[in-house]
Amino acid sequence: MITWTNVSSSRVIYAGPINIIGDKRLTSEAGGRVLVLEDVAEEDSGQFVCTVNTRREPISLSHTLNVLGESDFGCLN
């Protein structure tokens, strides 16, 4: 199973296809390998860890999200 953790809150936010925290801005794609956060705000900045739980040791990869301010772009295609 693939889990996503928000390091700053030490909370698992996604486990497999389940949105643990119920944040409607969060979705998971590609079997949980991709975490999508829409309508980001500066307070969403932080470190997120994706962990694949294997039969041996878990494999983790850390990602840092830096939200610097609001955008004037609107929707980009």
C-alpha atoms as a PDB file:
ATOM      1  CA  MET A   1       0.000   0.000   0.000  1.00  0.00           C
ATOM      2  CA  ILE A   2       1.125   3.546  -0.732  1.00  0.00           C
ATOM      3  CA  THR A   3       0.678   6.210   1.932  1.00  0.00           C
ATOM      4  CA  TRP A   4       1.237   9.972   1.912  1.00  0.00           C
ATOM      5  CA  THR A   5       2.219  11.774   5.108  1.00  0.00           C
ATOM      6  CA  ASN A   6       2.302  15.488   5.891  1.00  0.00           C
ATOM      7  CA  VAL A   7       5.536  15.788   7.868  1.00  0.00           C
ATOM      8  CA  SER A   8       4.620  19.044   9.634  1.00  0.00           C
ATOM      9  CA  SER A   9       1.493  17.502  11.165  1.00  0.00           C
ATOM     10  CA  SER A  10       2.902  13.927  11.335  1.00  0.00           C
ATOM     11  CA  ARG A  11      -0.422  12.754   9.898  1.00  0.00           C
ATOM     12  CA  VAL A  12      -1.073  10.215   7.184  1.00  0.00           C
ATOM     13  CA  ILE A  13      -3.226  12.131   4.719  1.00  0.00           C
ATOM     14  CA  TYR A  14      -3.755   9.430   2.075  1.00  0.00           C
ATOM     15  CA  ALA A  15      -3.622   5.635   2.276  1.00  0.00           C
ATOM     16  CA  GLY A  16      -4.153   3.797  -0.990  1.00  0.00           C
ATOM     17  CA  PRO A  17      -7.354   5.294  -2.467  1.00  0.00           C
ATOM     18  CA  ILE A  18      -8.581   6.690   0.864  1.00  0.00           C
ATOM     19  CA  ASN A  19      -8.431  10.401   1.692  1.00  0.00           C
ATOM     20  CA  ILE A  20      -7.810  10.021   5.423  1.00  0.00           C
ATOM     21  CA  ILE A  21      -8.209  13.680   6.395  1.00  0.00           C
ATOM     22  CA  GLY A  22     -11.227  14.351   4.166  1.00  0.00           C
ATOM     23  CA  ASP A  23      -9.704  17.410   2.459  1.00  0.00           C
ATOM     24  CA  LYS A  24     -11.687  17.737  -0.781  1.00  0.00           C
ATOM     25  CA  ARG A  25      -8.716  19.496  -2.442  1.00  0.00           C
ATOM     26  CA  LEU A  26      -6.706  16.257  -2.257  1.00  0.00           C
ATOM     27  CA  THR A  27      -6.948  13.444  -4.759  1.00  0.00           C
ATOM     28  CA  SER A  28      -4.755  10.499  -5.601  1.00  0.00           C
ATOM     29  CA  GLU A  29      -3.863   9.260  -9.088  1.00  0.00           C
ATOM     30  CA  ALA A  30      -1.826   6.484 -10.695  1.00  0.00           C
ATOM     31  CA  GLY A  31      -2.576   3.950  -7.988  1.00  0.00           C
ATOM     32  CA  GLY A  32      -1.589   6.343  -5.229  1.00  0.00           C
ATOM     33  CA  ARG A  33       1.792   7.261  -6.712  1.00  0.00           C
ATOM     34  CA  VAL A  34       0.619  10.819  -7.456  1.00  0.00           C
ATOM     35  CA  LEU A  35      -0.883  13.138  -4.868  1.00  0.00           C
ATOM     36  CA  VAL A  36      -2.799  16.120  -6.280  1.00  0.00           C
ATOM     37  CA  LEU A  37      -3.527  19.193  -4.146  1.00  0.00           C
ATOM     38  CA  GLU A  38      -5.767  21.798  -5.800  1.00  0.00           C
ATOM     39  CA  ASP A  39      -6.281  25.422  -4.796  1.00  0.00           C
ATOM     40  CA  VAL A  40      -3.059  25.540  -2.795  1.00  0.00           C
ATOM     41  CA  ALA A  41      -2.417  28.240  -0.221  1.00  0.00           C
ATOM     42  CA  GLU A  42       0.769  29.345   1.517  1.00  0.00           C
ATOM     43  CA  GLU A  43      -0.157  27.330   4.599  1.00  0.00           C
ATOM     44  CA  ASP A  44      -0.059  24.153   2.444  1.00  0.00           C
ATOM     45  CA  SER A  45       3.712  24.562   2.109  1.00  0.00           C
ATOM     46  CA  GLY A  46       5.697  21.784   3.714  1.00  0.00           C
ATOM     47  CA  GLN A  47       7.199  18.378   3.318  1.00  0.00           C
ATOM     48  CA  PHE A  48       5.193  15.398   2.136  1.00  0.00           C
ATOM     49  CA  VAL A  49       6.453  11.815   2.196  1.00  0.00           C
ATOM     50  CA  CYS A  50       5.271   9.038  -0.097  1.00  0.00           C
ATOM     51  CA  THR A  51       5.862   5.583   1.392  1.00  0.00           C
ATOM     52  CA  VAL A  52       5.509   2.258  -0.374  1.00  0.00           C
ATOM     53  CA  ASN A  53       5.044  -0.523   2.148  1.00  0.00           C
ATOM     54  CA  THR A  54       6.762  -3.645   0.858  1.00  0.00           C
ATOM     55  CA  ARG A  55       7.281  -7.090   2.354  1.00  0.00           C
ATOM     56  CA  ARG A  56      10.710  -5.912   3.397  1.00  0.00           C
ATOM     57  CA  GLU A  57      11.469  -2.393   4.573  1.00  0.00           C
ATOM     58  CA  PRO A  58       9.239   0.493   3.476  1.00  0.00           C
ATOM     59  CA  ILE A  59      10.566   2.730   0.699  1.00  0.00           C
ATOM     60  CA  SER A  60      10.008   6.470   1.179  1.00  0.00           C
ATOM     61  CA  LEU A  61      10.484   9.528  -0.977  1.00  0.00           C
ATOM     62  CA  SER A  62      10.206  13.064   0.364  1.00  0.00           C
ATOM     63  CA  HIS A  63       8.727  15.991  -1.583  1.00  0.00           C
ATOM     64  CA  THR A  64       8.784  19.665  -0.605  1.00  0.00           C
ATOM     65  CA  LEU A  65       5.958  21.999  -1.589  1.00  0.00           C
ATOM     66  CA  ASN A  66       6.733  25.721  -1.477  1.00  0.00           C
ATOM     67  CA  VAL A  67       3.755  28.010  -2.063  1.00  0.00           C
ATOM     68  CA  LEU A  68       5.103  31.525  -2.437  1.00  0.00           C
ATOM     69  CA  GLY A  69       1.885  33.481  -2.937  1.00  0.00           C
ATOM     70  CA  GLU A  70      -1.203  33.783  -5.056  1.00  0.00           C
ATOM     71  CA  SER A  71      -1.120  33.457  -8.813  1.00  0.00           C
ATOM     72  CA  ASP A  72      -2.763  35.687 -11.413  1.00  0.00           C
ATOM     73  CA  PHE A  73      -2.655  32.904 -14.013  1.00  0.00           C
ATOM     74  CA  GLY A  74      -6.100  31.435 -13.474  1.00  0.00           C
ATOM     75  CA  CYS A  75      -6.504  28.184 -15.360  1.00  0.00           C
ATOM     76  CA  LEU A  76      -3.625  27.130 -17.593  1.00  0.00           C
ATOM     77  CA  ASN A  77      -4.079  24.700 -20.455  1.00  0.00           C
END
